[in-house]
Amino acid sequence: MTDSAATPPTGPPTGPPSGASPTGAWRTRRRRRWLRNAAIGVALLVLAAGGAGWVAYHKLDGNITADDAAAAELARYDKERPGVLVHGAQNLLLIGSDSRAGGNGKYGRNDGTQRSDTTILLHVAADRKSATAVSFPRDLMVDVPACHQRDGSEIEPMFAMFNYAFEVGGSACTIRTVEKMTGVRIDHHMVVDFQGFKDMVDAVDGVEVCLDKPIDDADAHLKLAAGRRRLDGEQALGYVRARKSLGNGSDTDRMDRQQRFLGALATKMQSSGVLLNPAKLYPVLDAATSALTTDPGLASLRGLYDLVRGMRDIPADRIQFLTVPRESYIYNANRDQLIQPAADRLFTRIRTDSPVAVTKETPAEVRAESQQGYDSSDESGMSDESVYDEDEGYEDYEDGKPGTHGPSASPSPTPSPAPTFRGNTATQDACG
């Protein structure tokens, strides 16, 4: 009879060898295998996360459209452009296009052109402690320089409405018109359309505004009750564009509303931690970059990051909004002209990176300089039927004799004290 106890076991061992301690070689090899597998797993996760981040970065980076045509046009006229007086300060021109192309068709007939529905000069101080946003009325009568049209032909210099520059010559012509008017060198520019604006508002989950009365405006696609209301992108677009149903129907009142809304948007992004929360920041960046056409210097995520990084610590009460001092054009009450020398004082402060103050009411000094002798913020006497139509555009650009316009020939290099202009800050509550 065979002694089974003497038969050696077959197959691989199922446990530690006989006589081995729990801390022996077998357990050591097992722990090393587990650590190696875990390290590989962690490495794969890191690579996956890094890959996702890389994909996201490239998606955002590729969203932005570079305005190479404008850059080439500006380079052509570089010798005519103003010089930089204060290094470190930044001047950006923000242009809201009313193009009806693509998804914007429901806001009016697409005639193949686009106009600047909103234009704002944003000055960021060299010390990054303040920012001033100046709105230009689209009906402002200005000197438009010779510009190349989109088909390559050239238009002669003319005295026309400010909006005309963008329609015929795009962003480059608008930039040169602003530079000619203000003497301020534009460092960067951004163009955003209706859809991009809506996407930005939706990306921050809406923006709160205060309405002192209900709104029912079919043209603006807007119907809201009075009181505090959080607007989504579609409602916000109607709110900033409405003209006939809100306020006194003037373009000045509409610009005031746009400025208050932009202030509320800036406050929302700061107070809700959007800029510090990647989960909240990504959809905002995706919406913003998808909507932007910028100069080549900003047409990358790095360029935008450098810009935002310099602005994110500016206190909301140091972000000021105002409209260039203006009054009804002497030859056509449906047009605007600059109030001088108030406008030149403002432009000089921006050129020299000097502070300005804002107040809700038009300062007495500016009222006194108005040729009409009344508060330019009160346009309730304007005709209800403006020559401008949201769908048809402008019927005529030539409006008679030019008035006083353009930057002062010899501005003071160190203006003082800070002059006051009609405007508001990002912290001012429309309900207050």
Protein backbone atom coordinates (compact mmCIF):
# COMPACT_ATOMS: atom_id res chain seq x y z
CA MET A 1 0.00 0.00 0.00
CA THR A 2 1.42 3.37 -1.07
CA ASP A 3 2.04 5.94 1.61
CA SER A 4 0.09 8.98 0.35
CA ALA A 5 1.67 11.20 2.96
CA ALA A 6 4.95 10.74 1.18
CA THR A 7 3.54 11.85 -2.19
CA PRO A 8 4.71 15.34 -3.06
CA PRO A 9 1.97 17.83 -3.89
CA THR A 10 1.37 18.79 -7.53
CA GLY A 11 0.47 22.17 -9.09
CA PRO A 12 1.34 25.63 -7.91
CA PRO A 13 1.47 26.35 -4.20
CA THR A 14 -1.74 27.81 -2.77
CA GLY A 15 -0.18 29.66 0.12
CA PRO A 16 3.12 30.55 1.66
CA PRO A 17 5.67 27.75 1.79
CA SER A 18 5.77 25.57 4.86
CA GLY A 19 7.66 27.18 7.66
CA ALA A 20 7.53 30.70 6.05
CA SER A 21 6.67 33.62 8.29
CA PRO A 22 3.91 36.20 7.43
CA THR A 23 6.62 38.66 6.59
CA GLY A 24 8.50 36.32 4.34
CA ALA A 25 9.51 36.54 0.70
CA TRP A 26 6.13 35.43 -0.70
CA ARG A 27 4.18 38.24 1.02
CA THR A 28 6.87 40.73 0.00
CA ARG A 29 6.51 39.73 -3.68
CA ARG A 30 2.69 40.03 -3.44
CA ARG A 31 2.88 43.52 -1.94
CA ARG A 32 5.33 44.65 -4.62
CA ARG A 33 2.98 43.32 -7.33
CA TRP A 34 0.03 45.20 -5.81
CA LEU A 35 2.01 48.44 -5.54
CA ARG A 36 3.18 48.10 -9.13
CA ASN A 37 -0.37 47.59 -10.38
CA ALA A 38 -1.65 50.49 -8.29
CA ALA A 39 1.11 52.75 -9.62
CA ILE A 40 0.19 51.80 -13.17
CA GLY A 41 -3.46 52.55 -12.42
CA VAL A 42 -2.65 55.95 -10.94
CA ALA A 43 -0.40 56.73 -13.88
CA LEU A 44 -3.21 55.86 -16.30
CA LEU A 45 -5.62 58.09 -14.39
CA VAL A 46 -3.14 60.97 -14.45
CA LEU A 47 -2.58 60.47 -18.16
CA ALA A 48 -6.33 60.32 -18.76
CA ALA A 49 -6.92 63.48 -16.75
CA GLY A 50 -4.03 65.20 -18.44
CA GLY A 51 -5.29 64.07 -21.83
CA ALA A 52 -8.77 65.37 -21.05
CA GLY A 53 -7.27 68.66 -19.93
CA TRP A 54 -5.19 68.84 -23.09
CA VAL A 55 -8.23 68.12 -25.24
CA ALA A 56 -10.26 70.75 -23.36
CA TYR A 57 -7.44 73.29 -23.73
CA HIS A 58 -7.17 72.72 -27.45
CA LYS A 59 -10.94 72.89 -27.87
CA LEU A 60 -11.11 76.24 -26.09
CA ASP A 61 -7.99 77.48 -27.86
CA GLY A 62 -9.44 76.51 -31.24
CA ASN A 63 -12.79 78.17 -30.55
CA ILE A 64 -11.45 81.71 -30.96
CA THR A 65 -11.43 83.28 -34.42
CA ALA A 66 -8.43 85.49 -35.18
CA ASP A 67 -9.25 88.74 -36.99
CA ASP A 68 -6.26 88.58 -39.32
CA ALA A 69 -7.86 90.89 -41.90
CA ALA A 70 -8.20 93.66 -39.31
CA ALA A 71 -4.61 93.17 -38.18
CA ALA A 72 -3.38 93.55 -41.76
CA GLU A 73 -5.49 96.68 -42.29
CA LEU A 74 -4.25 98.28 -39.06
CA ALA A 75 -0.66 97.50 -40.00
CA ARG A 76 -1.23 99.31 -43.31
CA TYR A 77 -2.10 102.52 -41.46
CA ASP A 78 0.20 102.06 -38.46
CA LYS A 79 2.02 105.36 -38.98
CA GLU A 80 -1.28 107.25 -38.67
CA ARG A 81 -2.28 105.59 -35.39
CA PRO A 82 -1.74 107.18 -31.94
CA GLY A 83 1.28 106.20 -29.91
CA VAL A 84 1.27 104.57 -26.48
CA LEU A 85 1.61 107.10 -23.66
CA VAL A 86 1.47 104.83 -20.60
CA HIS A 87 3.08 101.42 -20.86
CA GLY A 88 1.24 98.70 -18.98
CA ALA A 89 -2.22 100.23 -19.40
CA GLN A 90 -4.54 98.32 -21.74
CA ASN A 91 -7.22 99.68 -24.08
CA LEU A 92 -9.65 97.17 -25.55
CA LEU A 93 -12.46 97.87 -27.99
CA LEU A 94 -15.48 95.62 -27.41
CA ILE A 95 -17.83 95.45 -30.40
CA GLY A 96 -21.26 93.85 -30.33
CA SER A 97 -22.24 92.84 -33.86
CA ASP A 98 -25.89 92.82 -34.94
CA SER A 99 -25.24 90.32 -37.73
CA ARG A 100 -28.34 88.26 -38.58
CA ALA A 101 -26.31 85.46 -40.16
CA GLY A 102 -26.60 81.86 -38.93
CA GLY A 103 -28.49 81.43 -35.66
CA ASN A 104 -29.10 85.19 -35.42
CA GLY A 105 -31.63 85.18 -38.27
CA LYS A 106 -34.67 85.34 -36.00
CA TYR A 107 -33.67 88.83 -34.85
CA GLY A 108 -34.22 90.36 -38.27
CA ARG A 109 -33.65 89.99 -41.98
CA ASN A 110 -30.16 88.92 -43.01
CA ASP A 111 -29.09 91.40 -45.69
CA GLY A 112 -25.47 90.22 -45.67
CA THR A 113 -24.19 93.17 -43.64
CA GLN A 114 -23.43 93.68 -39.97
CA ARG A 115 -23.42 96.78 -37.82
CA SER A 116 -21.94 97.57 -34.43
CA ASP A 117 -24.96 97.34 -32.15
CA THR A 118 -22.77 98.20 -29.15
CA THR A 119 -19.22 99.59 -28.94
CA ILE A 120 -17.36 100.00 -25.66
CA LEU A 121 -13.81 101.22 -25.04
CA LEU A 122 -12.49 99.37 -21.98
CA HIS A 123 -9.49 101.02 -20.31
CA VAL A 124 -7.61 98.89 -17.75
CA ALA A 125 -5.26 100.92 -15.58
CA ALA A 126 -1.56 100.06 -15.59
CA ASP A 127 -1.67 99.24 -11.87
CA ARG A 128 -4.66 96.91 -12.48
CA LYS A 129 -6.61 98.59 -9.67
CA SER A 130 -9.38 100.08 -11.81
CA ALA A 131 -11.14 99.78 -15.16
CA THR A 132 -13.29 102.25 -17.09
CA ALA A 133 -15.74 101.26 -19.83
CA VAL A 134 -16.89 104.04 -22.19
CA SER A 135 -19.86 103.46 -24.51
CA PHE A 136 -20.14 105.14 -27.93
CA PRO A 137 -23.65 105.79 -29.33
CA ARG A 138 -24.14 104.14 -32.70
CA ASP A 139 -25.81 107.37 -33.96
CA LEU A 140 -22.83 109.56 -32.97
CA MET A 141 -21.64 111.76 -35.86
CA VAL A 142 -17.89 111.24 -36.34
CA ASP A 143 -15.07 111.49 -38.86
CA VAL A 144 -14.67 108.09 -40.49
CA PRO A 145 -11.21 107.78 -42.11
CA ALA A 146 -10.51 106.20 -45.48
CA CYS A 147 -11.03 102.47 -45.01
CA HIS A 148 -10.94 99.33 -47.11
CA GLN A 149 -14.26 97.54 -47.47
CA ARG A 150 -14.64 93.78 -47.21
CA ASP A 151 -14.47 93.47 -51.02
CA GLY A 152 -11.11 95.29 -51.06
CA SER A 153 -12.36 98.60 -52.43
CA GLU A 154 -11.62 101.80 -50.52
CA ILE A 155 -14.09 104.34 -49.19
CA GLU A 156 -13.20 108.01 -48.97
CA PRO A 157 -13.03 109.78 -45.58
CA MET A 158 -16.44 111.07 -44.57
CA PHE A 159 -18.44 112.58 -41.74
CA ALA A 160 -21.04 109.95 -40.88
CA MET A 161 -22.67 107.97 -38.10
CA PHE A 162 -20.29 105.94 -35.97
CA ASN A 163 -22.08 102.70 -36.86
CA TYR A 164 -21.17 103.21 -40.51
CA ALA A 165 -17.49 102.44 -39.88
CA PHE A 166 -18.17 98.83 -38.85
CA GLU A 167 -20.70 98.23 -41.61
CA VAL A 168 -18.39 99.23 -44.45
CA GLY A 169 -14.93 98.54 -43.03
CA GLY A 170 -15.37 96.06 -40.18
CA SER A 171 -13.47 96.16 -36.92
CA ALA A 172 -10.33 97.80 -38.37
CA CYS A 173 -12.28 100.80 -39.62
CA THR A 174 -14.11 101.06 -36.28
CA ILE A 175 -10.80 100.97 -34.39
CA ARG A 176 -9.30 103.69 -36.57
CA THR A 177 -12.44 105.81 -36.18
CA VAL A 178 -12.23 105.54 -32.38
CA GLU A 179 -8.51 106.29 -32.41
CA LYS A 180 -9.06 109.35 -34.63
CA MET A 181 -11.83 110.60 -32.32
CA THR A 182 -10.13 109.94 -28.99
CA GLY A 183 -6.38 109.86 -29.62
CA VAL A 184 -6.32 106.57 -27.65
CA ARG A 185 -4.28 103.68 -29.05
CA ILE A 186 -6.38 100.49 -29.15
CA ASP A 187 -4.28 97.53 -28.02
CA HIS A 188 -6.82 94.74 -28.55
CA HIS A 189 -10.35 94.24 -29.82
CA MET A 190 -13.14 91.67 -29.49
CA VAL A 191 -16.25 91.16 -31.59
CA VAL A 192 -19.20 89.15 -30.24
CA ASP A 193 -22.60 88.47 -31.84
CA PHE A 194 -26.09 87.90 -30.42
CA GLN A 195 -25.69 84.14 -29.99
CA GLY A 196 -22.38 84.53 -28.20
CA PHE A 197 -23.87 87.02 -25.76
CA LYS A 198 -26.74 84.66 -24.93
CA ASP A 199 -24.40 81.72 -24.41
CA MET A 200 -22.25 83.73 -22.01
CA VAL A 201 -25.25 84.64 -19.84
CA ASP A 202 -26.52 81.06 -19.82
CA ALA A 203 -23.05 79.79 -18.88
CA VAL A 204 -23.19 81.74 -15.58
CA ASP A 205 -26.75 80.52 -14.94
CA GLY A 206 -28.35 83.87 -15.66
CA VAL A 207 -27.93 87.43 -14.37
CA GLU A 208 -30.24 89.30 -11.98
CA VAL A 209 -31.71 92.69 -12.91
CA CYS A 210 -34.30 94.94 -11.29
CA LEU A 211 -37.34 96.16 -13.22
CA ASP A 212 -39.37 99.09 -11.89
CA LYS A 213 -42.28 98.14 -14.16
CA PRO A 214 -43.39 95.16 -16.30
CA ILE A 215 -41.98 94.70 -19.81
CA ASP A 216 -43.97 93.47 -22.78
CA ASP A 217 -41.95 94.09 -25.93
CA ALA A 218 -42.71 91.93 -28.95
CA ASP A 219 -39.84 93.40 -30.99
CA ALA A 220 -37.33 92.45 -28.28
CA HIS A 221 -39.01 89.06 -27.65
CA LEU A 222 -39.31 90.04 -24.00
CA LYS A 223 -42.13 89.75 -21.46
CA LEU A 224 -41.24 90.15 -17.76
CA ALA A 225 -42.98 91.13 -14.52
CA ALA A 226 -41.70 94.01 -12.39
CA GLY A 227 -39.19 93.47 -9.57
CA ARG A 228 -35.99 91.46 -9.31
CA ARG A 229 -35.68 88.96 -12.14
CA ARG A 230 -32.93 86.55 -13.13
CA LEU A 231 -32.60 86.66 -16.90
CA ASP A 232 -31.43 83.78 -19.07
CA GLY A 233 -29.49 84.43 -22.26
CA GLU A 234 -32.50 85.03 -24.52
CA GLN A 235 -34.17 87.37 -22.03
CA ALA A 236 -30.91 89.21 -21.38
CA LEU A 237 -30.43 89.86 -25.10
CA GLY A 238 -33.91 91.35 -25.35
CA TYR A 239 -33.30 93.42 -22.22
CA VAL A 240 -30.10 95.07 -23.47
CA ARG A 241 -31.47 95.64 -26.98
CA ALA A 242 -34.99 96.89 -26.16
CA ARG A 243 -35.52 100.53 -27.05
CA LYS A 244 -39.19 101.34 -27.52
CA SER A 245 -40.67 99.76 -24.39
CA LEU A 246 -38.07 100.71 -21.76
CA GLY A 247 -37.11 104.11 -20.42
CA ASN A 248 -37.64 107.09 -22.71
CA GLY A 249 -36.88 105.21 -25.91
CA SER A 250 -33.49 106.84 -26.41
CA ASP A 251 -30.23 105.15 -27.30
CA THR A 252 -28.67 106.75 -24.19
CA ASP A 253 -31.18 104.98 -21.97
CA ARG A 254 -30.43 101.70 -23.76
CA MET A 255 -26.69 102.16 -23.21
CA ASP A 256 -27.28 102.86 -19.51
CA ARG A 257 -29.17 99.57 -19.30
CA GLN A 258 -26.38 97.72 -21.10
CA GLN A 259 -23.82 99.15 -18.70
CA ARG A 260 -25.85 98.15 -15.63
CA PHE A 261 -26.25 94.65 -17.03
CA LEU A 262 -22.53 94.27 -17.74
CA GLY A 263 -21.81 95.46 -14.20
CA ALA A 264 -24.21 92.82 -12.83
CA LEU A 265 -22.54 90.18 -15.00
CA ALA A 266 -19.08 91.15 -13.73
CA THR A 267 -20.31 91.05 -10.13
CA LYS A 268 -21.92 87.65 -10.71
CA MET A 269 -18.69 86.18 -12.02
CA GLN A 270 -16.69 87.52 -9.07
CA SER A 271 -19.14 86.78 -6.26
CA SER A 272 -20.10 83.26 -7.37
CA GLY A 273 -16.50 82.11 -7.60
CA VAL A 274 -16.72 81.38 -11.33
CA LEU A 275 -13.14 82.47 -11.95
CA LEU A 276 -11.80 80.13 -9.24
CA ASN A 277 -13.98 77.06 -9.88
CA PRO A 278 -12.90 74.97 -12.91
CA ALA A 279 -16.31 73.26 -13.11
CA LYS A 280 -18.01 76.65 -13.38
CA LEU A 281 -15.29 78.32 -15.40
CA TYR A 282 -15.11 75.81 -18.28
CA PRO A 283 -18.65 76.41 -19.67
CA VAL A 284 -18.08 80.17 -19.39
CA LEU A 285 -14.80 79.89 -21.28
CA ASP A 286 -16.39 77.59 -23.86
CA ALA A 287 -19.23 80.05 -24.44
CA ALA A 288 -16.92 83.06 -24.48
CA THR A 289 -14.29 81.62 -26.79
CA SER A 290 -16.89 80.21 -29.21
CA ALA A 291 -18.40 83.66 -29.55
CA LEU A 292 -15.25 85.72 -29.99
CA THR A 293 -13.43 87.16 -32.95
CA THR A 294 -10.33 88.93 -31.66
CA ASP A 295 -7.07 90.42 -32.76
CA PRO A 296 -4.33 87.78 -33.17
CA GLY A 297 -2.76 88.79 -29.84
CA LEU A 298 -5.85 87.62 -27.97
CA ALA A 299 -6.82 84.76 -30.26
CA SER A 300 -5.57 82.06 -27.91
CA LEU A 301 -6.44 80.78 -24.48
CA ARG A 302 -3.09 82.03 -23.23
CA GLY A 303 -3.75 85.53 -24.53
CA LEU A 304 -7.20 85.66 -22.91
CA TYR A 305 -5.86 84.20 -19.67
CA ASP A 306 -3.19 86.89 -19.42
CA LEU A 307 -5.86 89.53 -19.96
CA VAL A 308 -8.31 88.10 -17.41
CA ARG A 309 -5.56 87.44 -14.86
CA GLY A 310 -4.74 91.14 -14.86
CA MET A 311 -8.38 92.12 -14.29
CA ARG A 312 -9.76 89.51 -11.89
CA ASP A 313 -8.58 91.33 -8.74
CA ILE A 314 -10.09 94.72 -9.66
CA PRO A 315 -12.77 95.53 -7.04
CA ALA A 316 -16.29 95.80 -8.46
CA ASP A 317 -16.60 99.36 -7.16
CA ARG A 318 -13.53 100.31 -9.22
CA ILE A 319 -15.11 99.06 -12.47
CA GLN A 320 -16.84 102.14 -13.92
CA PHE A 321 -19.27 102.46 -16.81
CA LEU A 322 -20.13 105.68 -18.62
CA THR A 323 -21.23 107.01 -21.98
CA VAL A 324 -19.12 109.49 -23.88
CA PRO A 325 -20.49 113.02 -23.23
CA ARG A 326 -23.00 113.57 -26.04
CA GLU A 327 -26.00 115.62 -27.06
CA SER A 328 -28.38 115.77 -30.00
CA TYR A 329 -26.65 116.68 -33.25
CA ILE A 330 -27.27 120.31 -34.10
CA TYR A 331 -28.43 119.49 -37.67
CA ASN A 332 -30.48 116.37 -36.89
CA ALA A 333 -32.09 115.64 -33.51
CA ASN A 334 -32.06 111.90 -34.31
CA ARG A 335 -28.26 111.91 -34.33
CA ASP A 336 -25.67 112.63 -31.61
CA GLN A 337 -22.56 114.79 -31.35
CA LEU A 338 -19.86 115.05 -28.70
CA ILE A 339 -20.12 117.65 -25.95
CA GLN A 340 -16.87 119.58 -26.00
CA PRO A 341 -14.58 120.10 -24.19
CA ALA A 342 -16.07 117.48 -21.84
CA ALA A 343 -15.37 114.64 -24.29
CA ASP A 344 -11.76 115.71 -24.74
CA ARG A 345 -11.29 115.79 -20.97
CA LEU A 346 -12.46 112.19 -20.80
CA PHE A 347 -10.25 111.09 -23.69
CA THR A 348 -7.24 112.82 -22.15
CA ARG A 349 -7.77 110.97 -18.86
CA ILE A 350 -7.83 107.66 -20.69
CA ARG A 351 -4.75 108.46 -22.79
CA THR A 352 -2.78 109.42 -19.69
CA ASP A 353 -4.13 106.56 -17.54
CA SER A 354 -5.63 109.07 -15.11
CA PRO A 355 -8.67 108.37 -12.91
CA VAL A 356 -12.18 109.65 -13.57
CA ALA A 357 -15.19 109.83 -11.25
CA VAL A 358 -18.78 108.89 -12.12
CA THR A 359 -22.14 110.02 -10.81
CA LYS A 360 -25.72 109.04 -11.65
CA GLU A 361 -26.62 112.53 -12.86
CA THR A 362 -24.95 114.59 -15.56
CA PRO A 363 -22.52 117.00 -13.81
CA ALA A 364 -23.41 120.70 -14.03
CA GLU A 365 -20.13 121.44 -15.81
CA VAL A 366 -21.02 119.07 -18.65
CA ARG A 367 -24.57 120.47 -18.87
CA ALA A 368 -23.15 123.97 -19.16
CA GLU A 369 -20.92 122.90 -22.07
CA SER A 370 -23.81 121.43 -24.01
CA GLN A 371 -24.68 123.58 -27.02
CA GLN A 372 -28.35 122.90 -26.35
CA GLY A 373 -28.00 123.94 -22.71
CA TYR A 374 -29.88 120.96 -21.28
CA ASP A 375 -29.08 117.64 -19.63
CA SER A 376 -27.94 115.40 -22.48
CA SER A 377 -29.13 112.35 -20.57
CA ASP A 378 -32.74 113.54 -21.00
CA GLU A 379 -33.83 112.69 -24.51
CA SER A 380 -37.54 112.39 -23.80
CA GLY A 381 -38.16 115.07 -26.40
CA MET A 382 -36.77 112.94 -29.21
CA SER A 383 -39.03 111.75 -31.98
CA ASP A 384 -40.52 108.30 -31.45
CA GLU A 385 -39.69 107.44 -35.03
CA SER A 386 -35.91 107.27 -35.24
CA VAL A 387 -34.30 106.96 -38.66
CA TYR A 388 -32.66 103.76 -37.41
CA ASP A 389 -34.66 100.56 -37.77
CA GLU A 390 -33.52 97.28 -36.13
CA ASP A 391 -34.18 95.29 -39.30
CA GLU A 392 -33.62 97.81 -42.09
CA GLY A 393 -30.63 99.68 -40.69
CA TYR A 394 -29.89 103.32 -41.51
CA GLU A 395 -31.60 105.03 -44.41
CA ASP A 396 -28.99 107.75 -44.89
CA TYR A 397 -25.51 108.39 -43.55
CA GLU A 398 -24.88 111.91 -44.75
CA ASP A 399 -26.26 114.31 -42.17
CA GLY A 400 -25.15 117.75 -43.25
CA LYS A 401 -22.48 119.95 -41.78
CA PRO A 402 -19.85 118.60 -39.42
CA GLY A 403 -19.69 119.92 -35.89
CA THR A 404 -16.77 120.18 -33.51
CA HIS A 405 -15.17 116.78 -33.21
CA GLY A 406 -11.89 114.93 -32.75
CA PRO A 407 -9.37 114.89 -29.89
CA SER A 408 -7.91 118.11 -28.61
CA ALA A 409 -4.74 119.09 -30.43
CA SER A 410 -2.76 119.77 -27.27
CA PRO A 411 -4.20 117.99 -24.21
CA SER A 412 -2.65 118.56 -20.82
CA PRO A 413 -0.23 115.70 -20.04
CA THR A 414 -1.14 115.67 -16.33
CA PRO A 415 -4.81 116.63 -15.93
CA SER A 416 -6.01 117.18 -12.37
CA PRO A 417 -8.23 116.87 -10.43
CA ALA A 418 -10.27 113.91 -11.65
CA PRO A 419 -13.29 115.18 -13.62
CA THR A 420 -16.73 113.68 -13.05
CA PHE A 421 -18.92 112.13 -15.72
CA ARG A 422 -22.38 110.60 -15.76
CA GLY A 423 -22.13 106.83 -15.16
CA ASN A 424 -22.17 104.05 -12.58
CA THR A 425 -20.05 101.28 -11.09
CA ALA A 426 -20.46 97.51 -11.17
CA THR A 427 -21.66 97.55 -7.55
CA GLN A 428 -24.55 99.96 -8.02
CA ASP A 429 -27.90 98.20 -7.63
CA ALA A 430 -30.56 99.17 -10.14
CA CYS A 431 -33.16 98.72 -7.39
CA GLY A 432 -31.29 101.06 -5.04
